[in-house]
Amino acid sequence: MKVLNRQIAVTRPFFGWWIVVGSALLHAVHGSSFGFVFGVYLLQWQNTFGWSRFAISSTFSLSQLVNGILGPIQGWLTDRFGTRLLMNGGTILFGVALIGLGTINNLWTLFLFVLLIGIGANASGFLTMNASLANWFLRRRALAMGLGTTGMGLGGTLAPIVAWGIVTYGWRSVAIVSGLVVIIIGLPLAQIFRHRPEDYGYYPDGDEPELGFDVENPDSFGGLTSSDFSVAEALRDRNFWLVSFGHALALLAVISIMVHLVPHLVKNIGWSETSAQFLFTIITITSVLGQIIGGYLGDLYSKSKVAAFCMLGHSSAMLLLALTRLGPLIVLAAVLHGLSWGMRGPLMMAIRADFYGRTNFATIAGFSTAIVMVGPLVGPAFAGAMSDYFGNYTAAFLIVGMLTGLGSVFFWAARNPRLNLPTQ
């Protein structure tokens, strides 16, 4: 194996864990600055401009559509040039677009800046971070990805403060300040990321080669063959499509709640905006527990089977939100959704890395993103249109809940294709 002449001082803990910390902190910045408070922004834009929920939520859907189209390109760039290029460029774009969001005066500029925010956040977000973690961890891959996403819980804790700022000081001021925070905090964190441990004299998980890794094929472990899939081979594999469709249905629920939970609680149940945002914080805090549990279970048991059970949790939470107005049951739905989201989330990329190896991981995950983004594309716009038509979210949440439950079938049917390959 060729090791490049770039070195990181050999320290304990293993440097991969610093990438985990960087991922967690960046997830906190991303979530609290925009994604977790989009529902509060939606209400403010409605009050300021009189736009419909469908029109506003469609901006979010459009950004997901474009990110799905760009997914294969993002994956190829990550595999070709490494993660730090995407992290730096995405962070700058995210911050600048947030600052621009504070200047909008018409609907087309809202579409423009939400689109740019989505591209920047995606380039410096989930796929890119997990591409790095997939390379730095093998045996502890699910745990590392789970811990790396715990920052969503911190972001959810900070989100009520941001929501209070939006209501108290105005959405324009908060958007501009949030953009500056993204750049000031995000850029230093982006420098932590490294693409492959072998380039710096490390081996995955910090192991020495003689402790169970073939130096030439460090991806052979746990009964898997060392054969990494090409992009074409992955696209021909039925499990690629099963996991992608299941993930799309999961995000149908996740993004629908992210965009419409606060408007649902404020307009239909009668909660205040800050109380509604606090409920979303409960979701993100409980997701932290789920991420740790999911990461631990994913390294012990079938990741796809664990994900299948989580889909039933998502479905149950959506049905509860659709059918109840009782505070305790709404909180129960939030906890159930948070745990399911947390447990399932880190397994999504870990499944793909296990199934197809590290060599073309980001590119394969990028092609999968093009399919997965159908969920975030359809969910917010569909729920917004149903709410505009019926005056509430009951029908939308019922349909999304049933479709999400169907997603458990896709994950249950998925099998690791590398377990069936002959050992080379």
Protein backbone atom coordinates (compact mmCIF):
# COMPACT_ATOMS: atom_id res chain seq x y z
CA MET A 1 0.00 0.00 0.00
CA LYS A 2 1.28 3.46 -0.88
CA VAL A 3 1.33 5.93 2.00
CA LEU A 4 1.67 9.61 1.08
CA ASN A 5 4.20 11.86 2.78
CA ARG A 6 1.59 13.75 4.74
CA GLN A 7 1.55 13.15 8.45
CA ILE A 8 -0.58 14.01 11.43
CA ALA A 9 1.20 13.76 14.75
CA VAL A 10 0.40 10.33 16.18
CA THR A 11 -1.71 10.98 19.24
CA ARG A 12 -4.28 9.28 21.37
CA PRO A 13 -7.17 9.32 20.99
CA PHE A 14 -7.20 8.15 17.39
CA PHE A 15 -7.51 11.15 15.04
CA GLY A 16 -10.71 9.73 13.56
CA TRP A 17 -12.47 10.61 16.80
CA TRP A 18 -11.58 14.28 16.27
CA ILE A 19 -13.41 14.04 12.93
CA VAL A 20 -16.38 12.66 14.88
CA VAL A 21 -16.24 15.71 17.18
CA GLY A 22 -16.00 18.05 14.18
CA SER A 23 -19.01 16.35 12.59
CA ALA A 24 -21.08 16.70 15.76
CA LEU A 25 -20.29 20.41 16.14
CA LEU A 26 -21.01 21.16 12.48
CA HIS A 27 -24.33 19.33 12.67
CA ALA A 28 -25.20 21.57 15.64
CA VAL A 29 -24.31 24.72 13.66
CA HIS A 30 -26.25 23.58 10.59
CA GLY A 31 -29.38 22.53 12.43
CA SER A 32 -29.71 25.51 14.77
CA SER A 33 -28.96 28.12 12.12
CA PHE A 34 -31.65 27.13 9.61
CA GLY A 35 -32.95 23.59 9.25
CA PHE A 36 -34.48 23.21 12.71
CA VAL A 37 -36.02 26.70 12.70
CA PHE A 38 -37.43 26.68 9.16
CA GLY A 39 -40.95 26.31 10.55
CA VAL A 40 -40.56 29.54 12.54
CA TYR A 41 -39.22 31.32 9.48
CA LEU A 42 -42.22 29.99 7.51
CA LEU A 43 -44.68 31.60 9.92
CA GLN A 44 -42.77 34.90 9.86
CA TRP A 45 -42.72 34.97 6.05
CA GLN A 46 -46.43 34.24 5.99
CA ASN A 47 -47.09 37.18 8.31
CA THR A 48 -44.72 39.51 6.45
CA PHE A 49 -45.56 38.73 2.83
CA GLY A 50 -48.84 36.75 2.91
CA TRP A 51 -47.36 33.81 0.97
CA SER A 52 -49.06 30.39 1.23
CA ARG A 53 -47.55 27.49 3.13
CA PHE A 54 -47.31 25.56 -0.11
CA ALA A 55 -45.28 28.33 -1.78
CA ILE A 56 -42.89 28.69 1.15
CA SER A 57 -42.43 24.96 1.76
CA SER A 58 -41.86 24.47 -1.97
CA THR A 59 -38.64 26.47 -1.62
CA PHE A 60 -37.35 23.78 0.71
CA SER A 61 -38.52 21.06 -1.68
CA LEU A 62 -36.77 22.72 -4.62
CA SER A 63 -33.49 22.83 -2.71
CA GLN A 64 -33.80 19.09 -2.03
CA LEU A 65 -34.52 18.41 -5.71
CA VAL A 66 -31.38 20.25 -6.79
CA ASN A 67 -29.31 18.52 -4.13
CA GLY A 68 -30.58 15.18 -5.38
CA ILE A 69 -29.51 16.06 -8.91
CA LEU A 70 -26.12 17.23 -7.67
CA GLY A 71 -25.65 14.19 -5.39
CA PRO A 72 -23.64 12.06 -7.87
CA ILE A 73 -21.42 15.05 -8.70
CA GLN A 74 -20.88 15.78 -5.02
CA GLY A 75 -19.98 12.15 -4.38
CA TRP A 76 -17.52 12.05 -7.28
CA LEU A 77 -15.86 15.29 -6.15
CA THR A 78 -15.51 13.87 -2.65
CA ASP A 79 -13.92 10.63 -3.87
CA ARG A 80 -11.70 12.51 -6.31
CA PHE A 81 -10.56 15.54 -4.29
CA GLY A 82 -11.32 14.64 -0.68
CA THR A 83 -13.74 15.98 1.88
CA ARG A 84 -12.10 19.25 2.91
CA LEU A 85 -12.68 20.98 -0.44
CA LEU A 86 -16.42 20.32 -0.18
CA MET A 87 -16.49 21.25 3.52
CA ASN A 88 -14.84 24.63 2.94
CA GLY A 89 -16.80 25.59 -0.18
CA GLY A 90 -20.12 24.42 1.25
CA THR A 91 -19.61 26.28 4.54
CA ILE A 92 -18.85 29.57 2.78
CA LEU A 93 -21.85 29.22 0.45
CA PHE A 94 -24.15 28.30 3.35
CA GLY A 95 -23.10 31.33 5.39
CA VAL A 96 -23.22 33.84 2.54
CA ALA A 97 -26.66 32.58 1.43
CA LEU A 98 -28.02 32.92 4.98
CA ILE A 99 -26.85 36.52 5.02
CA GLY A 100 -28.58 37.03 1.67
CA LEU A 101 -31.77 35.49 3.09
CA GLY A 102 -32.02 38.44 5.46
CA THR A 103 -32.40 40.82 2.49
CA ILE A 104 -35.26 39.18 0.55
CA ASN A 105 -38.38 41.12 -0.48
CA ASN A 106 -40.08 38.79 -2.97
CA LEU A 107 -40.76 35.10 -3.52
CA TRP A 108 -38.16 34.47 -6.22
CA THR A 109 -35.33 35.71 -3.99
CA LEU A 110 -36.62 33.41 -1.24
CA PHE A 111 -36.39 30.49 -3.67
CA LEU A 112 -32.89 31.59 -4.70
CA PHE A 113 -31.39 31.89 -1.22
CA VAL A 114 -33.08 28.79 0.22
CA LEU A 115 -31.71 26.89 -2.79
CA LEU A 116 -28.18 28.21 -2.17
CA ILE A 117 -28.49 27.47 1.55
CA GLY A 118 -29.49 23.90 0.71
CA ILE A 119 -26.57 23.40 -1.70
CA GLY A 120 -24.06 24.82 0.78
CA ALA A 121 -25.42 22.89 3.76
CA ASN A 122 -25.50 19.66 1.74
CA ALA A 123 -21.96 20.09 0.38
CA SER A 124 -20.63 20.58 3.91
CA GLY A 125 -23.09 18.23 5.54
CA PHE A 126 -24.30 14.68 5.95
CA LEU A 127 -22.88 12.94 2.87
CA THR A 128 -19.47 14.62 2.97
CA MET A 129 -18.98 14.18 6.71
CA ASN A 130 -19.96 10.53 6.58
CA ALA A 131 -17.73 9.88 3.58
CA SER A 132 -14.83 10.84 5.83
CA LEU A 133 -16.08 8.76 8.76
CA ALA A 134 -16.71 5.73 6.51
CA ASN A 135 -13.02 5.80 5.57
CA TRP A 136 -11.66 6.33 9.08
CA PHE A 137 -13.76 3.62 10.76
CA LEU A 138 -14.60 0.01 9.90
CA ARG A 139 -15.33 -2.03 13.04
CA ARG A 140 -16.75 1.02 14.86
CA ARG A 141 -18.30 2.62 11.80
CA ALA A 142 -21.92 2.76 12.98
CA LEU A 143 -20.90 4.04 16.42
CA ALA A 144 -18.68 6.75 14.92
CA MET A 145 -21.44 7.89 12.57
CA GLY A 146 -23.94 7.82 15.43
CA LEU A 147 -21.75 9.96 17.67
CA GLY A 148 -20.99 12.24 14.73
CA THR A 149 -24.67 13.09 14.36
CA THR A 150 -25.29 13.73 18.07
CA GLY A 151 -24.65 17.39 17.31
CA MET A 152 -28.19 17.47 15.95
CA GLY A 153 -29.31 17.25 19.58
CA LEU A 154 -27.16 20.23 20.51
CA GLY A 155 -28.53 22.06 17.48
CA GLY A 156 -32.04 21.28 18.65
CA THR A 157 -31.19 22.65 22.10
CA LEU A 158 -29.97 25.89 20.54
CA ALA A 159 -32.89 26.15 18.10
CA PRO A 160 -35.39 27.62 20.64
CA ILE A 161 -32.91 30.44 21.32
CA VAL A 162 -32.71 31.13 17.59
CA ALA A 163 -36.51 30.90 17.32
CA TRP A 164 -36.89 33.36 20.19
CA GLY A 165 -34.48 35.69 18.41
CA ILE A 166 -36.52 35.45 15.20
CA VAL A 167 -39.74 36.34 17.01
CA THR A 168 -38.15 39.03 19.22
CA TYR A 169 -35.62 40.75 16.96
CA GLY A 170 -36.94 39.85 13.52
CA TRP A 171 -36.09 37.19 11.00
CA ARG A 172 -33.88 39.46 8.90
CA SER A 173 -31.44 40.24 11.70
CA VAL A 174 -31.27 36.63 12.86
CA ALA A 175 -30.65 35.32 9.34
CA ILE A 176 -27.72 37.69 8.86
CA VAL A 177 -26.19 36.89 12.26
CA SER A 178 -26.69 33.16 11.65
CA GLY A 179 -24.82 33.41 8.36
CA LEU A 180 -21.87 35.08 10.06
CA VAL A 181 -21.87 32.41 12.78
CA VAL A 182 -21.85 29.63 10.17
CA ILE A 183 -18.72 31.09 8.54
CA ILE A 184 -16.88 32.04 11.74
CA ILE A 185 -17.44 28.69 13.47
CA GLY A 186 -17.87 26.40 10.47
CA LEU A 187 -14.66 27.17 8.58
CA PRO A 188 -12.26 26.28 11.43
CA LEU A 189 -14.20 23.06 12.06
CA ALA A 190 -14.00 22.16 8.36
CA GLN A 191 -10.17 22.04 8.63
CA ILE A 192 -10.41 19.00 10.92
CA PHE A 193 -11.64 16.76 8.12
CA ARG A 194 -9.30 14.33 6.36
CA HIS A 195 -10.44 11.94 3.65
CA ARG A 196 -8.55 8.66 4.12
CA PRO A 197 -6.45 7.59 7.13
CA GLU A 198 -3.91 5.76 4.96
CA ASP A 199 -2.86 9.09 3.43
CA TYR A 200 -1.61 10.13 6.87
CA GLY A 201 -0.01 6.90 8.04
CA TYR A 202 -3.06 5.62 9.94
CA TYR A 203 -5.26 2.56 9.54
CA PRO A 204 -9.04 2.52 10.09
CA ASP A 205 -10.11 2.51 13.74
CA GLY A 206 -6.50 3.29 14.73
CA ASP A 207 -5.54 -0.39 14.47
CA GLU A 208 -2.11 -1.61 13.55
CA PRO A 209 -1.96 -3.69 10.34
CA GLU A 210 -1.07 -6.88 12.19
CA LEU A 211 -4.18 -6.61 14.35
CA GLY A 212 -6.58 -7.98 11.78
CA PHE A 213 -6.19 -5.79 8.69
CA ASP A 214 -4.67 -6.69 5.37
CA VAL A 215 -2.44 -3.71 4.55
CA GLU A 216 -3.39 -3.84 0.89
CA ASN A 217 -7.09 -4.39 1.61
CA PRO A 218 -7.97 -2.61 4.87
CA ASP A 219 -11.67 -2.93 4.14
CA SER A 220 -11.69 -6.70 4.75
CA PHE A 221 -13.17 -7.34 8.16
CA GLY A 222 -16.08 -8.97 9.90
CA GLY A 223 -16.63 -11.69 7.31
CA LEU A 224 -16.74 -9.33 4.32
CA THR A 225 -14.70 -9.80 1.22
CA SER A 226 -12.18 -7.15 0.25
CA SER A 227 -13.94 -6.50 -3.07
CA ASP A 228 -15.23 -2.96 -3.27
CA PHE A 229 -18.05 -2.38 -5.74
CA SER A 230 -17.72 -0.10 -8.73
CA VAL A 231 -20.47 2.48 -9.21
CA ALA A 232 -21.97 0.44 -12.07
CA GLU A 233 -21.98 -2.74 -9.95
CA ALA A 234 -23.71 -0.95 -7.09
CA LEU A 235 -26.38 0.47 -9.40
CA ARG A 236 -27.12 -3.04 -10.70
CA ASP A 237 -27.55 -4.40 -7.19
CA ARG A 238 -31.16 -4.64 -5.97
CA ASN A 239 -30.10 -3.78 -2.42
CA PHE A 240 -28.92 -0.35 -3.58
CA TRP A 241 -32.48 0.42 -4.67
CA LEU A 242 -34.11 -1.11 -1.60
CA VAL A 243 -32.00 0.98 0.77
CA SER A 244 -32.47 4.12 -1.34
CA PHE A 245 -36.26 3.79 -1.48
CA GLY A 246 -36.43 3.03 2.24
CA HIS A 247 -34.27 6.06 3.04
CA ALA A 248 -36.44 8.28 0.80
CA LEU A 249 -39.58 7.25 2.69
CA ALA A 250 -37.82 7.91 6.00
CA LEU A 251 -36.98 11.46 4.95
CA LEU A 252 -40.53 11.94 3.73
CA ALA A 253 -41.49 11.93 7.43
CA VAL A 254 -38.37 13.61 8.83
CA ILE A 255 -38.46 16.66 6.55
CA SER A 256 -42.25 16.99 6.70
CA ILE A 257 -41.98 17.28 10.48
CA MET A 258 -38.97 19.59 10.27
CA VAL A 259 -40.86 22.03 8.03
CA HIS A 260 -44.45 21.68 9.27
CA LEU A 261 -44.42 20.61 12.93
CA VAL A 262 -44.25 24.17 14.26
CA PRO A 263 -46.98 25.51 11.90
CA HIS A 264 -49.16 22.50 12.80
CA LEU A 265 -48.84 23.09 16.54
CA VAL A 266 -49.30 26.87 16.25
CA LYS A 267 -52.10 27.08 13.68
CA ASN A 268 -54.02 23.86 14.38
CA ILE A 269 -53.37 23.06 18.06
CA GLY A 270 -53.00 26.60 19.44
CA TRP A 271 -49.47 26.42 20.86
CA SER A 272 -47.15 29.42 20.94
CA GLU A 273 -44.24 29.51 18.49
CA THR A 274 -41.64 29.11 21.24
CA SER A 275 -43.52 26.17 22.82
CA ALA A 276 -43.82 24.50 19.42
CA GLN A 277 -40.11 24.99 18.77
CA PHE A 278 -39.37 23.49 22.18
CA LEU A 279 -41.22 20.33 21.15
CA PHE A 280 -38.91 20.06 18.15
CA THR A 281 -36.04 20.39 20.62
CA ILE A 282 -37.41 17.35 22.45
CA ILE A 283 -37.20 15.48 19.14
CA THR A 284 -33.57 16.43 18.58
CA ILE A 285 -32.52 15.75 22.20
CA THR A 286 -34.09 12.29 22.20
CA SER A 287 -32.46 11.68 18.83
CA VAL A 288 -29.07 11.90 20.58
CA LEU A 289 -29.97 8.91 22.73
CA GLY A 290 -31.20 7.15 19.61
CA GLN A 291 -27.95 7.89 17.75
CA ILE A 292 -25.86 6.31 20.49
CA ILE A 293 -28.16 3.28 20.73
CA GLY A 294 -28.39 2.92 16.96
CA GLY A 295 -24.63 3.19 16.54
CA TYR A 296 -24.05 0.53 19.20
CA LEU A 297 -26.70 -1.86 17.85
CA GLY A 298 -25.61 -1.28 14.25
CA ASP A 299 -22.12 -2.61 15.00
CA LEU A 300 -23.60 -5.73 16.63
CA TYR A 301 -26.63 -6.63 14.53
CA SER A 302 -27.96 -6.21 11.00
CA LYS A 303 -28.10 -2.49 10.32
CA SER A 304 -30.91 -2.87 7.79
CA LYS A 305 -33.07 -4.81 10.28
CA VAL A 306 -32.56 -2.15 12.95
CA ALA A 307 -33.53 0.50 10.37
CA ALA A 308 -36.71 -1.45 9.53
CA PHE A 309 -37.89 -1.28 13.15
CA CYS A 310 -37.08 2.44 13.25
CA MET A 311 -39.35 3.03 10.25
CA LEU A 312 -42.26 1.65 12.26
CA GLY A 313 -41.41 4.19 14.96
CA HIS A 314 -41.46 7.03 12.43
CA SER A 315 -44.82 5.81 11.12
CA SER A 316 -46.38 5.56 14.58
CA ALA A 317 -45.23 9.09 15.47
CA MET A 318 -46.75 10.57 12.29
CA LEU A 319 -50.07 8.82 12.91
CA LEU A 320 -50.15 10.09 16.51
CA LEU A 321 -49.48 13.66 15.39
CA ALA A 322 -52.29 13.36 12.83
CA LEU A 323 -54.90 12.00 15.22
CA THR A 324 -54.36 13.67 18.61
CA ARG A 325 -54.59 17.13 20.12
CA LEU A 326 -53.61 15.97 23.62
CA GLY A 327 -50.34 17.39 24.90
CA PRO A 328 -48.96 14.17 26.46
CA LEU A 329 -49.61 12.16 23.29
CA ILE A 330 -47.99 14.86 21.15
CA VAL A 331 -44.91 14.71 23.39
CA LEU A 332 -44.96 10.91 23.11
CA ALA A 333 -45.00 11.23 19.32
CA ALA A 334 -42.04 13.62 19.50
CA VAL A 335 -40.03 11.22 21.67
CA LEU A 336 -40.87 8.26 19.44
CA HIS A 337 -39.92 10.16 16.29
CA GLY A 338 -36.70 11.45 17.86
CA LEU A 339 -35.56 8.00 18.98
CA SER A 340 -36.41 6.47 15.59
CA TRP A 341 -34.67 9.27 13.70
CA GLY A 342 -31.61 9.04 15.91
CA MET A 343 -31.28 5.26 15.71
CA ARG A 344 -31.86 5.06 11.97
CA GLY A 345 -29.91 8.13 10.82
CA PRO A 346 -26.30 6.99 11.34
CA LEU A 347 -27.10 3.56 9.89
CA MET A 348 -28.00 4.96 6.46
CA MET A 349 -24.44 5.71 5.37
CA ALA A 350 -22.98 2.84 7.41
CA ILE A 351 -25.17 0.39 5.48
CA ARG A 352 -23.89 1.68 2.14
CA ALA A 353 -20.27 1.58 3.29
CA ASP A 354 -20.69 -1.99 4.51
CA PHE A 355 -22.47 -3.05 1.33
CA TYR A 356 -20.15 -1.46 -1.24
CA GLY A 357 -16.83 -0.65 0.41
CA ARG A 358 -14.78 2.51 0.71
CA THR A 359 -13.23 2.98 -2.72
CA ASN A 360 -16.27 4.53 -4.44
CA PHE A 361 -18.35 5.11 -1.32
CA ALA A 362 -19.08 8.83 -1.78
CA THR A 363 -19.96 8.48 -5.47
CA ILE A 364 -22.29 5.54 -4.79
CA ALA A 365 -23.87 7.41 -1.88
CA GLY A 366 -24.24 10.44 -4.16
CA PHE A 367 -26.19 8.43 -6.74
CA SER A 368 -28.34 7.08 -3.91
CA THR A 369 -28.96 10.66 -2.76
CA ALA A 370 -30.54 11.42 -6.13
CA ILE A 371 -33.21 8.83 -5.25
CA VAL A 372 -33.42 9.60 -1.55
CA MET A 373 -34.14 13.28 -2.17
CA VAL A 374 -37.53 12.38 -3.63
CA GLY A 375 -38.72 12.16 -0.01
CA PRO A 376 -37.63 15.67 1.03
CA LEU A 377 -38.81 16.96 -2.35
CA VAL A 378 -42.34 15.61 -2.06
CA GLY A 379 -42.91 15.74 1.71
CA PRO A 380 -42.85 19.47 2.55
CA ALA A 381 -44.67 20.60 -0.61
CA PHE A 382 -47.30 17.85 -0.29
CA ALA A 383 -47.97 18.61 3.40
CA GLY A 384 -48.11 22.35 2.66
CA ALA A 385 -50.58 21.89 -0.20
CA MET A 386 -52.79 19.55 1.88
CA SER A 387 -52.77 22.06 4.74
CA ASP A 388 -53.74 24.93 2.43
CA TYR A 389 -56.59 22.85 0.97
CA PHE A 390 -58.03 21.25 4.15
CA GLY A 391 -57.00 23.91 6.67
CA ASN A 392 -55.04 21.38 8.77
CA TYR A 393 -52.33 18.71 8.53
CA THR A 394 -54.39 15.65 9.50
CA ALA A 395 -54.67 14.08 6.04
CA ALA A 396 -51.07 14.92 5.14
CA PHE A 397 -49.63 13.38 8.31
CA LEU A 398 -51.82 10.27 7.96
CA ILE A 399 -50.64 9.62 4.39
CA VAL A 400 -46.99 10.33 5.21
CA GLY A 401 -47.24 8.01 8.23
CA MET A 402 -48.59 5.12 6.18
CA LEU A 403 -45.97 5.57 3.45
CA THR A 404 -43.20 5.70 6.04
CA GLY A 405 -44.41 2.43 7.54
CA LEU A 406 -44.11 0.87 4.08
CA GLY A 407 -40.43 1.81 4.12
CA SER A 408 -39.75 -0.82 6.79
CA VAL A 409 -40.36 -3.50 4.13
CA PHE A 410 -37.56 -2.14 1.94
CA PHE A 411 -35.00 -2.19 4.75
CA TRP A 412 -36.09 -5.64 5.94
CA ALA A 413 -35.60 -7.05 2.44
CA ALA A 414 -32.10 -5.55 1.98
CA ARG A 415 -29.11 -7.93 2.26
CA ASN A 416 -25.38 -7.21 2.29
CA PRO A 417 -24.25 -8.20 -1.23
CA ARG A 418 -20.59 -8.56 -0.22
CA LEU A 419 -21.40 -11.46 2.09
CA ASN A 420 -22.25 -13.49 -1.02
CA LEU A 421 -19.04 -12.71 -2.93
CA PRO A 422 -16.23 -15.26 -3.07
CA THR A 423 -13.31 -14.31 -0.83
CA GLN A 424 -10.37 -13.17 -2.91
